[in-house]
Protein backbone atom coordinates (compact mmCIF):
# COMPACT_ATOMS: atom_id res chain seq x y z
CA MET A 1 12.97 2.80 -1.27
CA ALA A 2 11.25 0.13 0.78
CA ALA A 3 10.73 -0.85 4.39
CA ILE A 4 10.43 -4.42 5.59
CA ILE A 5 7.93 -5.29 8.31
CA ASN A 6 7.86 -8.92 9.39
CA GLY A 7 9.32 -10.00 6.04
CA ARG A 8 6.90 -7.94 3.95
CA LYS A 9 8.38 -5.29 1.64
CA ILE A 10 6.55 -1.98 1.73
CA GLY A 11 7.19 0.77 -0.77
CA GLU A 12 7.05 1.73 -4.42
CA GLY A 13 6.63 -1.30 -6.65
CA HIS A 14 4.97 -3.36 -3.94
CA PRO A 15 1.21 -3.80 -3.28
CA PRO A 16 -0.26 -1.42 -0.68
CA TYR A 17 0.07 -2.52 2.93
CA VAL A 18 -3.30 -2.38 4.69
CA ILE A 19 -3.29 -1.96 8.46
CA ALA A 20 -6.47 -2.60 10.44
CA GLU A 21 -6.33 -0.35 13.50
CA VAL A 22 -8.06 -2.08 16.40
CA SER A 23 -7.46 0.82 18.76
CA ALA A 24 -10.28 0.90 21.33
CA ASN A 25 -12.67 -1.25 19.30
CA HIS A 26 -12.14 -4.16 21.69
CA ASN A 27 -14.64 -2.31 23.90
CA GLY A 28 -12.92 -3.55 27.05
CA SER A 29 -12.92 -7.23 26.11
CA LEU A 30 -9.85 -9.31 25.29
CA GLU A 31 -12.10 -11.84 23.60
CA ARG A 32 -13.47 -9.14 21.32
CA ALA A 33 -9.93 -7.93 20.60
CA LEU A 34 -8.98 -11.42 19.44
CA GLU A 35 -12.17 -11.74 17.38
CA THR A 36 -11.37 -8.42 15.72
CA ILE A 37 -7.88 -9.60 14.84
CA LYS A 38 -9.31 -12.82 13.37
CA SER A 39 -11.77 -10.83 11.27
CA ALA A 40 -9.03 -8.49 10.07
CA HIS A 41 -7.01 -11.50 8.97
CA ASP A 42 -9.97 -13.17 7.28
CA ASN A 43 -10.85 -10.01 5.37
CA GLY A 44 -7.43 -9.40 3.90
CA ALA A 45 -5.57 -6.99 6.17
CA HIS A 46 -1.80 -7.38 6.17
CA ALA A 47 -1.40 -6.18 9.74
CA VAL A 48 -3.38 -5.24 12.80
CA LYS A 49 -2.35 -2.44 15.08
CA ILE A 50 -3.19 -1.84 18.70
CA GLN A 51 -2.38 1.01 21.07
CA THR A 52 -0.22 0.55 24.12
CA TYR A 53 -0.97 2.86 27.03
CA THR A 54 -2.87 3.12 30.27
CA ALA A 55 -4.81 6.08 31.50
CA ASP A 56 -1.97 6.75 33.95
CA THR A 57 0.74 6.71 31.28
CA MET A 58 -1.35 8.98 29.06
CA THR A 59 -2.48 11.68 31.49
CA ILE A 60 -3.39 12.34 35.13
CA ASP A 61 -6.75 12.01 36.86
CA CYS A 62 -7.65 15.66 37.13
CA ASP A 63 -10.94 17.58 36.98
CA ARG A 64 -9.48 20.92 35.90
CA ASP A 65 -10.86 22.39 32.68
CA ASP A 66 -7.65 21.61 30.81
CA PHE A 67 -8.38 17.91 31.24
CA MET A 68 -11.99 18.06 30.01
CA ILE A 69 -12.82 17.42 26.34
CA GLN A 70 -14.90 20.16 24.81
CA GLY A 71 -17.04 19.21 21.80
CA GLY A 72 -16.49 16.58 19.15
CA LEU A 73 -17.01 12.83 19.35
CA TRP A 74 -15.75 12.62 22.93
CA GLY A 75 -17.12 15.90 24.22
CA GLY A 76 -17.85 15.92 27.96
CA TYR A 77 -15.32 13.24 28.82
CA LYS A 78 -12.46 13.79 31.20
CA LEU A 79 -9.24 12.71 29.47
CA TYR A 80 -8.45 10.19 32.18
CA ASP A 81 -11.88 8.56 31.93
CA LEU A 82 -11.72 8.35 28.13
CA TYR A 83 -8.37 6.60 28.26
CA ARG A 84 -9.54 4.24 30.99
CA TRP A 85 -12.38 3.27 28.67
CA ALA A 86 -10.21 2.94 25.57
CA GLU A 87 -6.96 1.43 26.88
CA THR A 88 -5.67 -1.97 25.83
CA PRO A 89 -4.35 -3.37 29.14
CA PHE A 90 -0.68 -4.25 29.20
CA GLU A 91 -1.54 -7.74 30.45
CA TRP A 92 -3.47 -8.45 27.22
CA HIS A 93 -0.52 -7.82 24.94
CA GLN A 94 1.17 -11.20 25.06
CA ALA A 95 -2.09 -12.98 24.26
CA ILE A 96 -2.72 -10.58 21.38
CA PHE A 97 0.75 -11.04 19.90
CA GLU A 98 0.63 -14.81 20.26
CA TYR A 99 -2.84 -15.06 18.72
CA ALA A 100 -1.90 -12.88 15.75
CA ALA A 101 1.20 -15.02 15.19
CA SER A 102 -0.92 -18.18 15.23
CA LEU A 103 -3.07 -16.69 12.45
CA GLY A 104 -0.12 -15.50 10.42
CA ILE A 105 -1.02 -11.81 10.56
CA THR A 106 1.46 -9.15 11.66
CA VAL A 107 0.70 -7.17 14.80
CA PHE A 108 2.43 -4.08 16.13
CA SER A 109 1.42 -1.11 18.21
CA THR A 110 1.50 2.57 18.95
CA PRO A 111 3.34 3.14 22.23
CA PHE A 112 2.62 6.34 24.10
CA ASP A 113 5.52 6.33 26.54
CA GLU A 114 8.78 4.55 27.18
CA SER A 115 7.23 1.88 29.38
CA ALA A 116 5.01 0.89 26.46
CA VAL A 117 8.06 0.65 24.19
CA ASP A 118 9.76 -1.62 26.70
CA LEU A 119 6.72 -3.90 26.79
CA LEU A 120 6.57 -4.07 23.00
CA GLU A 121 10.28 -4.81 22.78
CA SER A 122 9.79 -7.74 25.15
CA LEU A 123 7.21 -9.07 22.68
CA ASN A 124 9.58 -8.58 19.72
CA THR A 125 7.32 -6.14 17.91
CA PRO A 126 8.35 -5.89 14.23
CA ALA A 127 7.58 -2.16 13.93
CA TYR A 128 6.32 0.91 15.73
CA LYS A 129 3.61 3.44 14.93
CA ILE A 130 3.72 6.97 16.28
CA ALA A 131 0.34 8.67 16.57
CA SER A 132 -0.23 12.17 15.23
CA PHE A 133 -0.73 13.51 18.75
CA GLU A 134 2.69 12.14 19.77
CA ALA A 135 4.54 13.23 16.61
CA THR A 136 5.91 16.22 18.53
CA ASP A 137 7.13 14.06 21.45
CA LEU A 138 10.71 14.01 20.22
CA PRO A 139 12.13 12.21 23.28
CA LEU A 140 9.68 9.35 22.69
CA ILE A 141 10.54 9.21 18.98
CA ARG A 142 14.24 9.14 19.84
CA TYR A 143 13.70 6.24 22.26
CA ILE A 144 11.67 4.30 19.71
CA ALA A 145 14.23 4.92 16.97
CA SER A 146 16.98 3.51 19.18
CA LYS A 147 15.31 0.09 18.87
CA GLY A 148 16.20 -0.12 15.19
CA LYS A 149 12.72 -1.10 14.00
CA PRO A 150 10.71 0.41 11.12
CA ILE A 151 8.70 3.44 12.24
CA ILE A 152 5.42 4.72 10.85
CA ILE A 153 4.57 8.30 11.82
CA SER A 154 1.17 9.92 11.36
CA THR A 155 1.39 13.62 10.60
CA GLY A 156 -2.05 14.93 11.60
CA MET A 157 -2.00 18.55 12.84
CA CYS A 158 1.76 18.78 12.24
CA SER A 159 3.40 21.77 10.61
CA GLU A 160 6.17 21.24 8.09
CA SER A 161 8.78 22.13 10.68
CA GLU A 162 7.31 19.71 13.22
CA ILE A 163 7.38 16.89 10.67
CA ALA A 164 10.96 17.81 9.80
CA GLU A 165 11.94 17.59 13.47
CA ALA A 166 10.28 14.20 13.90
CA VAL A 167 11.94 12.82 10.76
CA ALA A 168 15.33 14.15 11.77
CA VAL A 169 15.11 12.69 15.29
CA ALA A 170 13.97 9.31 13.95
CA ARG A 171 16.80 9.15 11.45
CA GLU A 172 19.43 10.41 13.87
CA GLY A 173 18.22 7.81 16.36
CA GLY A 174 18.89 4.98 13.95
CA CYS A 175 15.64 4.49 12.01
CA GLU A 176 16.40 3.46 8.44
CA ASN A 177 12.87 2.41 7.46
CA LEU A 178 10.56 5.39 7.86
CA VAL A 179 6.97 5.77 6.65
CA LEU A 180 5.07 9.05 6.88
CA LEU A 181 1.30 8.80 6.85
CA HIS A 182 -0.66 11.80 5.74
CA CYS A 183 -3.44 12.20 8.28
CA ILE A 184 -6.28 14.54 9.12
CA SER A 185 -6.82 14.35 12.88
CA SER A 186 -10.56 14.75 12.86
CA TYR A 187 -12.92 11.96 13.90
CA PRO A 188 -14.39 11.46 11.39
CA ALA A 189 -12.49 13.60 8.90
CA PRO A 190 -14.63 15.47 6.33
CA MET A 191 -14.04 14.09 2.84
CA ASP A 192 -13.62 17.57 1.38
CA GLN A 193 -10.76 18.17 3.83
CA ALA A 194 -8.92 14.89 3.19
CA ASN A 195 -6.27 16.87 1.27
CA LEU A 196 -4.73 13.78 -0.32
CA LEU A 197 -2.30 15.79 -2.44
CA GLN A 198 -0.38 16.46 0.77
CA MET A 199 0.72 12.82 0.75
CA PRO A 200 3.00 12.92 -2.33
CA ALA A 201 4.20 16.31 -1.12
CA LEU A 202 5.46 14.64 2.08
CA THR A 203 7.39 12.10 0.03
CA GLU A 204 8.95 14.78 -2.14
CA ARG A 205 9.91 16.90 0.87
CA PHE A 206 11.19 14.21 3.22
CA GLY A 207 12.14 11.24 1.03
CA THR A 208 10.01 8.83 3.06
CA ILE A 209 7.64 6.03 2.12
CA PRO A 210 4.15 7.51 1.61
CA GLY A 211 0.89 6.40 3.14
CA LEU A 212 -2.45 7.47 4.56
CA SER A 213 -4.00 7.19 7.98
CA ASP A 214 -7.59 7.59 6.90
CA HIS A 215 -10.27 8.89 9.25
CA THR A 216 -12.85 9.67 6.57
CA LEU A 217 -15.97 7.52 6.39
CA GLY A 218 -15.91 4.65 3.92
CA THR A 219 -13.02 3.58 1.71
CA THR A 220 -13.01 6.12 -1.13
CA ALA A 221 -10.19 8.29 0.19
CA SER A 222 -7.97 5.28 0.88
CA VAL A 223 -8.37 3.88 -2.63
CA ALA A 224 -7.77 7.32 -4.14
CA ALA A 225 -4.62 7.62 -2.03
CA VAL A 226 -3.25 4.41 -3.54
CA ALA A 227 -3.67 5.98 -6.97
CA LEU A 228 -1.54 8.87 -5.69
CA GLY A 229 1.20 6.52 -4.54
CA ALA A 230 0.21 5.45 -1.02
CA CYS A 231 2.17 2.36 0.00
CA VAL A 232 0.47 2.06 3.42
CA ILE A 233 -3.20 2.46 4.29
CA GLU A 234 -4.32 2.51 7.92
CA LYS A 235 -8.00 2.33 8.80
CA HIS A 236 -9.75 1.96 12.14
CA PHE A 237 -11.56 -1.37 12.17
CA THR A 238 -14.48 -2.71 14.22
CA LEU A 239 -16.61 -5.81 14.11
CA SER A 240 -19.73 -3.62 14.21
CA ARG A 241 -20.35 0.09 14.52
CA ASN A 242 -23.57 -0.76 16.33
CA ASP A 243 -21.50 -1.94 19.30
CA LYS A 244 -20.71 1.56 20.41
CA GLY A 245 -17.15 2.20 21.49
CA PRO A 246 -14.74 5.13 21.59
CA ASP A 247 -13.70 4.69 17.93
CA SER A 248 -16.66 2.88 16.41
CA GLU A 249 -18.22 5.90 14.68
CA PHE A 250 -15.34 6.33 12.21
CA SER A 251 -14.27 2.69 11.88
CA ILE A 252 -14.94 0.36 8.96
CA GLU A 253 -16.65 -3.01 9.34
CA PRO A 254 -15.52 -6.41 7.99
CA ASP A 255 -17.21 -6.13 4.58
CA GLU A 256 -15.70 -2.67 4.11
CA LEU A 257 -12.25 -3.91 5.08
CA LYS A 258 -12.51 -6.73 2.55
CA ARG A 259 -13.53 -4.23 -0.12
CA LEU A 260 -10.73 -1.87 0.88
CA CYS A 261 -8.09 -4.58 0.59
CA GLN A 262 -9.34 -5.68 -2.83
CA GLU A 263 -9.92 -2.21 -4.24
CA SER A 264 -6.62 -0.81 -2.99
CA PHE A 265 -4.82 -3.74 -4.63
CA ASP A 266 -6.79 -3.18 -7.83
CA ALA A 267 -5.93 0.53 -7.79
CA TRP A 268 -2.25 -0.30 -7.36
CA SER A 269 -2.42 -2.90 -10.13
CA ALA A 270 -4.01 -0.35 -12.44
CA LEU A 271 -1.13 2.13 -12.08
CA GLY A 272 1.22 0.29 -14.42
CA ALA A 273 4.28 2.21 -15.63
CA ARG A 274 5.04 5.44 -17.43
CA GLY A 275 5.59 5.16 -21.17
CA PHE A 276 3.83 4.29 -24.40
CA ALA A 277 4.23 0.53 -24.58
CA ARG A 278 1.10 -1.27 -25.73
CA GLN A 279 -0.41 -3.65 -23.23
CA PRO A 280 -0.72 -7.34 -24.15
CA SER A 281 -4.50 -7.22 -23.76
CA GLU A 282 -4.67 -4.78 -26.69
CA ALA A 283 -2.94 -7.07 -29.16
CA GLY A 284 -6.06 -8.89 -30.29
CA ASN A 285 -7.84 -5.64 -31.17
CA ARG A 286 -5.23 -3.96 -33.32
CA HIS A 287 -6.77 -5.41 -36.47
CA PHE A 288 -9.99 -3.51 -35.73
CA ARG A 289 -8.28 -0.19 -36.34
CA ARG A 290 -8.79 1.56 -39.69
CA SER A 291 -6.54 1.01 -42.69
CA VAL A 292 -6.67 1.59 -46.45
CA TYR A 293 -8.56 -0.97 -48.56
CA PHE A 294 -9.36 -1.26 -52.23
CA VAL A 295 -13.09 -0.79 -52.73
CA LYS A 296 -13.09 -1.32 -56.50
CA ASP A 297 -11.45 -3.82 -58.85
CA LEU A 298 -8.35 -2.55 -60.65
CA ASP A 299 -6.36 -4.09 -63.49
CA ALA A 300 -2.55 -4.24 -63.44
CA GLY A 301 -1.07 -0.87 -64.32
CA GLU A 302 -4.24 1.06 -63.57
CA LYS A 303 -3.85 4.35 -61.72
CA ILE A 304 -5.39 4.62 -58.23
CA THR A 305 -7.95 7.38 -57.64
CA ALA A 306 -9.76 8.45 -54.51
CA ASP A 307 -12.75 6.39 -55.64
CA HIS A 308 -10.70 3.18 -55.65
CA ILE A 309 -9.64 3.18 -51.98
CA ARG A 310 -11.13 3.99 -48.58
CA ARG A 311 -10.00 4.26 -44.97
CA ILE A 312 -12.09 1.57 -43.27
CA ARG A 313 -11.90 -1.19 -40.69
CA PRO A 314 -10.21 -3.71 -40.34
CA GLY A 315 -6.57 -2.79 -39.95
CA PHE A 316 -4.68 -5.21 -42.18
CA GLY A 317 -3.91 -2.64 -44.89
CA LEU A 318 -1.64 0.38 -44.95
CA ALA A 319 -2.21 2.95 -42.21
CA PRO A 320 -4.67 5.79 -43.03
CA LYS A 321 -1.79 8.30 -43.09
CA TYR A 322 -0.70 6.79 -46.45
CA PHE A 323 -4.05 7.42 -48.16
CA ASP A 324 -2.95 10.54 -50.06
CA GLN A 325 0.36 8.93 -51.09
CA LEU A 326 -1.48 6.08 -52.79
CA ILE A 327 -3.58 8.31 -55.03
CA GLY A 328 -1.99 8.59 -58.49
CA ARG A 329 0.18 5.49 -58.03
CA ARG A 330 -0.35 2.41 -60.20
CA VAL A 331 -1.02 -1.14 -59.09
CA LYS A 332 1.45 -3.86 -60.14
CA GLN A 333 -1.20 -6.54 -60.49
CA ARG A 334 -4.91 -6.95 -60.61
CA VAL A 335 -6.56 -6.15 -57.29
CA GLU A 336 -10.11 -6.84 -56.21
CA ARG A 337 -12.58 -5.03 -54.05
CA GLY A 338 -11.96 -5.87 -50.37
CA MET A 339 -8.19 -6.43 -50.73
CA ALA A 340 -5.95 -4.70 -48.20
CA THR A 341 -3.49 -2.23 -49.63
CA SER A 342 0.24 -2.96 -49.28
CA TRP A 343 3.39 -1.52 -50.79
CA GLU A 344 4.02 -4.83 -52.54
CA LEU A 345 0.96 -4.14 -54.70
CA ILE A 346 2.00 -0.62 -55.65
CA ASP A 347 4.29 0.30 -58.53
CA GLU A 348 7.14 2.56 -57.49
């Protein structure tokens, strides 16, 4: 089971696909957005992701309590004002897509309404991401699925039934390449609540490609997820957390992204395959295992006693399991101390 995004295969048997989420870390500057994409490319990310919305497509400008954020990273903000601060203007998108293409890094986006999907289609986006908060917006998922592109869905806050509905709508709408990202929608997410074992459970339940949208601090959870089978890792990415922005507090910086890309690949490489086959790197050390050696000289026809042989290193003699079988047998020829035992030397 594999998806293909911009020619890259994603799934079991393929290296993990690392997505650098730019989100609002452009801090209102197209130039910074492009610099962030360049840094993501230079530090090993396979794709960058942006978010496509405006404050007006996300919510309404309203001062009622329902529209005020209470507590958390964005506590005190009105929803409309937060999204005005964080939005990636529609008019930036063409420049972003063209610049990413010039670097050779894939770019796609999370659309938050149908107008955003239409914009992304006009730019020939290779895939779509659905945010956790929109995973219950089944009409939007249906519209995205109708475009026939791979879809990545984050599952933060979703119940099993809500995930099942989203998966069913995506598949019924025509999506054949579907990735489910386990996600904890907390910013940042506490490490002891990362609940990574949910990720393989999603794969077992829904038959989708597994991955992680990681909001914990650092890279530990992401690398651990690869060991549990994650094929996609998404991490918020910023040039510097010191340049305060809406998402900077839980984003990784360039050196962390570089480490994430390398360590996630190393974790995937270390998985190997089930079974008991010896690895090639072990071959040169097999002779350091124990085996049975003669530790005293014996003349032809002499009977072997426990004093004549020992289980020692190196491993060129008979395996230690044959030690007791050798006692009481006779040697066919003279043997000397330090000779490896072999059946050719033993009288039947």
